[in-house]
């Protein structure tokens, strides 16, 4: 490869299924029209230079570097492909994703980097006269999702990969981990849940099925918006608090996650049918379960209540792990909310 190449991937928001998804229950995630774009230019040496607006430039030797720091997701992807690269690279990263809101930025940059490196190192098999393909073939996408999930779990300890699926495929997606990929730390949770694996589910708009997950495409949702509460609690801290409360009450938590998975699956079914009033009911019911899980707090409760009181708003709930960050509203844009514009475009390559 002796030419410049770019890849971009969208951010995402969780619609429903938070927390329960890692235990193998269904979830829903939506790609939003804020993208991370990475442009690669070849170097004449074996160095990689990474330029981004979120950190100082990072320069490493391609053949030997530590995966750490603010560019750790990019470096982890490079570690998978460096043996296939015959030269160094300059990587320029531009993000439209609001850093305050997060919105799946780690997933987007991981998918964009992997997609770029996979395309750069893919053997040339197509004649130059054929039309350019701006997205990887489906088998490549399944492999990219697997690689990205391994990176996220390696760096963060756990992760469902739902946000990765949204960045990869775009759209509004139903998502469920396989029993092999789900967290098995809590017996009796989602490992045996049919959900999206049921025969009635898989013949509807199947996007991907693999050793990691099944992914289905859902219809375009009504307008979505977000309201940032002003603070965040790191996801690891939220999970640690749940784990502490769970000790000695594993069966009760397994049952709670089961109810969460049931609500998420009902929302997926309603979305398939474009039954948005029922869809909204399921989102509101999921918020009640997030309160029961104790990942809501007085500020989030107040924001949810205020959004639900606005004319035309069909639903409001936490989006993400909770104890801060954002709430999601379904319906017309209301005061102090930012639009979360839907996009059907996932990973896009451009050379």
Protein backbone atom coordinates (compact mmCIF):
# COMPACT_ATOMS: atom_id res chain seq x y z
CA UNK A 1 0.00 0.00 0.00
CA UNK A 2 1.55 3.25 -1.16
CA UNK A 3 -1.50 5.50 -1.07
CA UNK A 4 -3.51 7.40 1.47
CA UNK A 5 -6.60 5.65 2.82
CA UNK A 6 -9.31 6.67 5.28
CA UNK A 7 -11.92 4.88 7.36
CA UNK A 8 -14.73 6.26 9.46
CA UNK A 9 -17.18 4.76 11.95
CA UNK A 10 -20.13 6.25 13.85
CA UNK A 11 -20.67 6.65 17.55
CA UNK A 12 -23.58 4.95 19.26
CA UNK A 13 -26.07 5.04 22.09
CA UNK A 14 -27.57 2.18 24.04
CA UNK A 15 -31.34 2.16 23.71
CA UNK A 16 -32.12 -0.72 26.08
CA UNK A 17 -30.51 -3.82 27.53
CA UNK A 18 -27.81 -2.11 29.61
CA UNK A 19 -26.09 -4.34 32.17
CA UNK A 20 -28.14 -7.45 31.28
CA UNK A 21 -26.56 -7.67 27.82
CA UNK A 22 -23.18 -8.87 29.14
CA UNK A 23 -24.94 -11.90 30.65
CA UNK A 24 -26.38 -12.98 27.31
CA UNK A 25 -29.70 -11.12 27.28
CA UNK A 26 -30.93 -9.15 24.24
CA UNK A 27 -30.18 -5.45 23.86
CA UNK A 28 -30.72 -2.62 21.41
CA UNK A 29 -28.15 -0.11 20.22
CA UNK A 30 -28.30 2.72 17.69
CA UNK A 31 -25.59 4.29 15.53
CA UNK A 32 -25.60 8.08 15.57
CA UNK A 33 -24.40 10.50 12.93
CA UNK A 34 -21.24 11.61 14.71
CA UNK A 35 -18.19 9.89 13.29
CA UNK A 36 -14.55 9.16 13.98
CA UNK A 37 -12.40 9.37 10.83
CA UNK A 38 -8.87 7.97 10.62
CA UNK A 39 -6.60 8.73 7.67
CA UNK A 40 -3.45 6.69 7.06
CA UNK A 41 -0.45 7.80 5.02
CA UNK A 42 2.52 5.46 4.49
CA UNK A 43 5.92 6.28 5.96
CA UNK A 44 9.27 5.25 4.53
CA UNK A 45 10.30 3.84 7.91
CA UNK A 46 8.85 1.51 10.56
CA UNK A 47 7.46 4.25 12.76
CA UNK A 48 3.83 4.99 13.50
CA UNK A 49 2.85 8.59 14.19
CA UNK A 50 -0.62 9.20 15.65
CA UNK A 51 -2.15 12.67 15.66
CA UNK A 52 -5.43 13.37 17.43
CA UNK A 53 -7.25 16.26 19.04
CA UNK A 54 -7.54 14.43 22.38
CA UNK A 55 -3.84 13.93 23.14
CA UNK A 56 -0.30 14.95 22.28
CA UNK A 57 1.16 13.20 19.21
CA UNK A 58 2.16 9.59 19.82
CA UNK A 59 5.17 8.13 18.00
CA UNK A 60 6.08 4.45 18.35
CA UNK A 61 8.24 1.89 16.59
CA UNK A 62 5.89 -0.37 14.65
CA UNK A 63 7.75 -3.51 15.69
CA UNK A 64 7.84 -2.78 19.42
CA UNK A 65 5.43 -0.65 21.43
CA UNK A 66 3.36 -0.72 24.60
CA UNK A 67 -0.43 -0.66 24.36
CA UNK A 68 -1.28 2.12 26.81
CA UNK A 69 -2.31 5.74 27.11
CA UNK A 70 -5.10 7.66 25.36
CA UNK A 71 -4.31 5.95 22.03
CA UNK A 72 -4.44 2.43 23.52
CA UNK A 73 -7.38 1.29 21.36
CA UNK A 74 -5.56 2.38 18.20
CA UNK A 75 -2.33 0.75 19.37
CA UNK A 76 -4.12 -2.49 20.26
CA UNK A 77 -5.51 -2.64 16.72
CA UNK A 78 -2.06 -1.91 15.28
CA UNK A 79 -0.61 -4.76 17.33
CA UNK A 80 -2.89 -7.19 15.48
CA UNK A 81 -1.82 -6.02 12.02
CA UNK A 82 1.77 -4.80 12.36
CA UNK A 83 3.26 -8.05 11.03
CA UNK A 84 1.30 -7.52 7.80
CA UNK A 85 2.49 -3.95 7.31
CA UNK A 86 5.60 -3.42 5.20
CA UNK A 87 6.01 0.21 6.28
CA UNK A 88 5.21 2.69 8.99
CA UNK A 89 2.20 4.98 9.03
CA UNK A 90 1.03 8.44 9.89
CA UNK A 91 -2.48 8.24 11.38
CA UNK A 92 -4.60 11.38 11.67
CA UNK A 93 -7.72 11.00 13.82
CA UNK A 94 -10.62 13.45 13.63
CA UNK A 95 -13.69 12.95 15.82
CA UNK A 96 -17.13 14.55 15.60
CA UNK A 97 -18.22 12.74 18.77
CA UNK A 98 -18.90 15.04 21.70
CA UNK A 99 -16.16 14.11 24.21
CA UNK A 100 -18.41 15.12 27.10
CA UNK A 101 -21.05 12.58 26.12
CA UNK A 102 -18.78 9.72 25.10
CA UNK A 103 -21.29 8.09 22.76
CA UNK A 104 -19.26 4.99 21.99
CA UNK A 105 -16.13 6.87 20.97
CA UNK A 106 -13.82 4.01 22.05
CA UNK A 107 -15.84 1.55 19.97
CA UNK A 108 -15.88 3.89 16.97
CA UNK A 109 -12.12 4.48 16.97
CA UNK A 110 -11.46 0.75 17.45
CA UNK A 111 -13.70 -0.23 14.53
CA UNK A 112 -12.35 2.53 12.28
CA UNK A 113 -8.73 1.55 13.00
CA UNK A 114 -9.34 -2.16 12.49
CA UNK A 115 -11.31 -1.56 9.30
CA UNK A 116 -8.58 0.68 7.93
CA UNK A 117 -5.79 -1.78 8.74
CA UNK A 118 -7.75 -4.75 7.40
CA UNK A 119 -8.35 -2.94 4.11
CA UNK A 120 -4.72 -1.82 3.84
CA UNK A 121 -3.39 -5.34 4.34
CA UNK A 122 -6.03 -7.21 2.32
CA UNK A 123 -4.63 -8.94 -0.79
CA UNK A 124 -5.60 -7.25 -4.04
CA UNK A 125 -8.08 -9.66 -5.65
CA UNK A 126 -10.34 -7.35 -7.63
CA UNK A 127 -9.56 -5.88 -11.06
CA UNK A 128 -9.03 -2.14 -11.07
CA UNK A 129 -12.01 -1.77 -13.41
CA UNK A 130 -14.49 -3.02 -10.81
CA UNK A 131 -16.41 -0.43 -8.77
CA UNK A 132 -14.81 0.56 -5.50
CA UNK A 133 -16.32 -1.13 -2.45
CA UNK A 134 -16.64 1.36 0.40
CA UNK A 135 -17.51 -1.25 3.02
CA UNK A 136 -15.78 -4.51 3.96
CA UNK A 137 -17.47 -7.75 2.85
CA UNK A 138 -19.63 -9.41 5.50
CA UNK A 139 -17.11 -12.15 6.48
CA UNK A 140 -14.55 -9.42 7.10
CA UNK A 141 -17.06 -7.55 9.27
CA UNK A 142 -17.65 -10.60 11.47
CA UNK A 143 -13.91 -10.93 11.97
CA UNK A 144 -13.55 -7.22 12.72
CA UNK A 145 -16.24 -7.45 15.40
CA UNK A 146 -14.47 -10.41 16.99
CA UNK A 147 -11.13 -8.59 16.96
CA UNK A 148 -12.66 -5.42 18.37
CA UNK A 149 -14.45 -7.28 21.16
CA UNK A 150 -11.19 -8.94 22.16
CA UNK A 151 -9.49 -5.53 22.25
CA UNK A 152 -12.22 -3.92 24.37
CA UNK A 153 -12.31 -6.79 26.83
CA UNK A 154 -8.53 -6.91 26.99
CA UNK A 155 -8.30 -3.22 27.86
CA UNK A 156 -11.46 -2.76 29.93
CA UNK A 157 -11.98 -6.20 31.46
CA UNK A 158 -15.49 -6.71 30.09
CA UNK A 159 -17.82 -5.45 27.41
CA UNK A 160 -20.78 -6.64 25.40
CA UNK A 161 -19.68 -5.42 21.98
CA UNK A 162 -23.08 -3.87 21.23
CA UNK A 163 -21.52 -0.46 20.63
CA UNK A 164 -18.95 -2.11 18.35
CA UNK A 165 -21.77 -3.64 16.31
CA UNK A 166 -23.38 -0.22 15.85
CA UNK A 167 -20.10 1.36 14.76
CA UNK A 168 -19.48 -1.52 12.36
CA UNK A 169 -22.92 -1.93 10.78
CA UNK A 170 -24.79 1.32 11.46
CA UNK A 171 -28.53 1.53 12.02
CA UNK A 172 -30.76 0.50 14.90
CA UNK A 173 -29.73 -3.00 15.91
CA UNK A 174 -30.94 -5.84 18.07
CA UNK A 175 -27.94 -7.53 19.66
CA UNK A 176 -27.34 -10.63 21.75
CA UNK A 177 -24.15 -12.40 22.81
CA UNK A 178 -23.82 -16.13 22.34
CA UNK A 179 -23.59 -18.34 25.40
CA UNK A 180 -19.88 -18.79 24.65
CA UNK A 181 -19.23 -15.03 24.63
CA UNK A 182 -21.52 -14.03 27.52
CA UNK A 183 -20.35 -13.44 31.09
CA UNK A 184 -20.79 -16.66 33.08
CA UNK A 185 -20.00 -15.16 36.50
CA UNK A 186 -23.69 -15.10 37.47
CA UNK A 187 -25.35 -18.54 37.15
CA UNK A 188 -28.84 -18.68 35.76
CA UNK A 189 -28.72 -15.53 33.66
CA UNK A 190 -28.98 -15.21 29.90
CA UNK A 191 -26.89 -18.10 28.60
CA UNK A 192 -29.99 -20.16 27.80
CA UNK A 193 -32.26 -17.31 26.70
CA UNK A 194 -33.55 -17.85 23.16
CA UNK A 195 -34.12 -14.16 22.40
CA UNK A 196 -32.63 -13.31 19.02
CA UNK A 197 -31.47 -16.91 18.58
CA UNK A 198 -35.04 -18.20 18.26
CA UNK A 199 -36.05 -19.35 14.75
CA UNK A 200 -38.73 -16.65 14.59
CA UNK A 201 -36.10 -13.99 15.19
CA UNK A 202 -33.28 -15.07 12.92
CA UNK A 203 -35.18 -14.90 9.64
CA UNK A 204 -35.92 -11.21 10.17
CA UNK A 205 -33.27 -8.81 8.81
CA UNK A 206 -30.29 -10.79 10.08
CA UNK A 207 -27.15 -8.67 9.84
CA UNK A 208 -24.61 -11.07 11.29
CA UNK A 209 -24.33 -14.25 13.29
CA UNK A 210 -21.01 -15.48 14.62
CA UNK A 211 -19.35 -17.20 17.54
CA UNK A 212 -19.73 -13.93 19.46
CA UNK A 213 -23.19 -12.56 18.76
CA UNK A 214 -26.29 -12.40 16.62
CA UNK A 215 -27.15 -8.97 15.21
CA UNK A 216 -30.40 -7.96 13.51
CA UNK A 217 -31.37 -4.73 11.74
CA UNK A 218 -34.42 -2.84 13.00
CA UNK A 219 -36.50 -0.04 11.40
CA UNK A 220 -35.50 3.61 11.66
CA UNK A 221 -36.57 4.82 15.14
CA UNK A 222 -38.45 8.02 16.04
CA UNK A 223 -36.39 11.06 16.99
CA UNK A 224 -33.89 10.46 19.78
CA UNK A 225 -32.25 13.03 22.03
CA UNK A 226 -29.82 13.08 24.94
CA UNK A 227 -29.41 15.18 28.06
CA UNK A 228 -26.09 15.16 29.92
CA UNK A 229 -26.53 15.31 33.69
CA UNK A 230 -23.23 17.12 34.32
CA UNK A 231 -21.09 14.30 35.69
CA UNK A 232 -20.04 10.72 35.06
CA UNK A 233 -19.24 7.69 37.17
CA UNK A 234 -16.70 5.40 35.47
CA UNK A 235 -18.40 2.24 34.25
CA UNK A 236 -15.94 0.12 36.23
CA UNK A 237 -17.04 1.86 39.45
CA UNK A 238 -20.72 1.32 38.61
CA UNK A 239 -20.08 -2.37 37.99
CA UNK A 240 -18.02 -2.71 41.17
CA UNK A 241 -20.92 -1.31 43.18
CA UNK A 242 -23.34 -3.77 41.61
CA UNK A 243 -20.95 -6.66 42.24
CA UNK A 244 -20.68 -5.72 45.91
CA UNK A 245 -24.45 -5.54 46.35
CA UNK A 246 -24.86 -8.80 44.46
CA UNK A 247 -22.82 -10.85 46.93
CA UNK A 248 -25.12 -13.38 48.59
CA UNK A 249 -28.05 -12.28 46.39
CA UNK A 250 -27.00 -13.84 43.10
CA UNK A 251 -30.35 -15.48 42.42
CA UNK A 252 -32.22 -12.20 42.92
CA UNK A 253 -29.89 -10.40 40.52
CA UNK A 254 -30.16 -13.20 37.96
CA UNK A 255 -33.94 -12.79 38.10
CA UNK A 256 -33.63 -9.01 37.73
CA UNK A 257 -31.39 -9.37 34.69
CA UNK A 258 -33.91 -11.83 33.29
CA UNK A 259 -36.67 -9.24 33.59
CA UNK A 260 -34.42 -6.66 31.98
CA UNK A 261 -33.74 -9.02 29.09
CA UNK A 262 -37.47 -9.64 28.70
CA UNK A 263 -38.18 -5.92 28.45
CA UNK A 264 -35.38 -5.44 25.95
CA UNK A 265 -36.68 -8.30 23.80
CA UNK A 266 -40.20 -6.84 23.93
CA UNK A 267 -38.79 -3.49 22.76
CA UNK A 268 -37.01 -5.24 19.89
CA UNK A 269 -40.24 -6.97 18.87
CA UNK A 270 -42.16 -3.69 19.00
CA UNK A 271 -39.50 -1.93 16.92
CA UNK A 272 -39.70 -4.66 14.28
CA UNK A 273 -43.43 -4.06 14.05
CA UNK A 274 -42.93 -0.27 14.12
CA UNK A 275 -45.23 -0.23 17.13
CA UNK A 276 -43.57 2.80 18.67
CA UNK A 277 -46.07 3.31 21.53
CA UNK A 278 -45.36 -0.20 22.82
CA UNK A 279 -41.67 0.33 22.15
CA UNK A 280 -41.81 3.44 24.35
CA UNK A 281 -43.63 1.54 27.11
CA UNK A 282 -40.83 -1.01 27.17
CA UNK A 283 -38.15 1.69 27.42
CA UNK A 284 -39.97 3.32 30.33
CA UNK A 285 -40.32 -0.06 32.03
CA UNK A 286 -36.60 -0.69 31.58
CA UNK A 287 -35.86 2.56 33.40
CA UNK A 288 -37.80 1.23 36.39
CA UNK A 289 -35.50 -1.81 36.38
CA UNK A 290 -32.42 0.43 36.20
CA UNK A 291 -33.76 2.14 39.33
CA UNK A 292 -34.17 -1.28 40.94
CA UNK A 293 -30.57 -2.08 39.98
CA UNK A 294 -29.63 1.14 41.81
CA UNK A 295 -27.81 2.73 38.89
CA UNK A 296 -30.14 5.72 38.78
CA UNK A 297 -29.75 8.58 41.23
CA UNK A 298 -31.79 11.67 42.20
CA UNK A 299 -30.38 13.79 39.37
CA UNK A 300 -31.09 11.16 36.72
CA UNK A 301 -34.53 10.48 38.21
CA UNK A 302 -35.34 14.20 37.97
CA UNK A 303 -34.13 14.47 34.37
CA UNK A 304 -36.16 11.42 33.36
CA UNK A 305 -39.29 12.78 35.07
CA UNK A 306 -38.87 16.19 33.47
CA UNK A 307 -38.41 14.73 29.99
CA UNK A 308 -41.46 12.50 30.36
CA UNK A 309 -43.56 15.52 31.35
CA UNK A 310 -42.84 17.29 28.06
CA UNK A 311 -45.51 17.21 25.37
CA UNK A 312 -44.95 14.52 22.79
CA UNK A 313 -42.15 12.70 24.62
CA UNK A 314 -42.95 8.99 24.49
CA UNK A 315 -40.19 7.63 26.73
CA UNK A 316 -37.16 8.63 28.76
CA UNK A 317 -34.52 6.50 30.44
CA UNK A 318 -30.86 6.24 31.28
CA UNK A 319 -28.61 5.46 28.32
CA UNK A 320 -25.50 3.60 29.41
CA UNK A 321 -24.30 2.20 32.70
CA UNK A 322 -25.87 4.91 34.88
CA UNK A 323 -24.94 6.95 37.98
CA UNK A 324 -24.35 9.92 35.73
CA UNK A 325 -23.76 10.62 32.05
CA UNK A 326 -26.89 10.81 29.87
CA UNK A 327 -30.57 10.16 29.69
CA UNK A 328 -32.26 9.29 26.40
CA UNK A 329 -35.63 10.67 25.29
CA UNK A 330 -37.86 9.38 22.51
CA UNK A 331 -39.90 12.05 20.74
CA UNK A 332 -39.64 15.78 19.96
CA UNK A 333 -36.52 17.63 21.03
CA UNK A 334 -37.04 19.30 24.42
CA UNK A 335 -35.13 21.92 26.39
CA UNK A 336 -31.58 21.03 27.47
CA UNK A 337 -31.55 17.96 25.19
CA UNK A 338 -29.25 17.48 22.22
CA UNK A 339 -30.41 15.63 19.12
CA UNK A 340 -28.91 12.18 18.64
CA UNK A 341 -29.27 11.88 14.85
CA UNK A 342 -29.66 8.34 13.54
CA UNK A 343 -27.37 7.00 10.81
CA UNK A 344 -27.68 3.86 8.73
CA UNK A 345 -23.98 4.04 7.79
CA UNK A 346 -21.52 1.97 9.76
CA UNK A 347 -17.85 1.50 8.87
CA UNK A 348 -16.98 3.28 5.63
CA UNK A 349 -13.69 3.03 3.74
CA UNK A 350 -12.42 5.68 1.34
CA UNK A 351 -9.23 5.63 -0.67
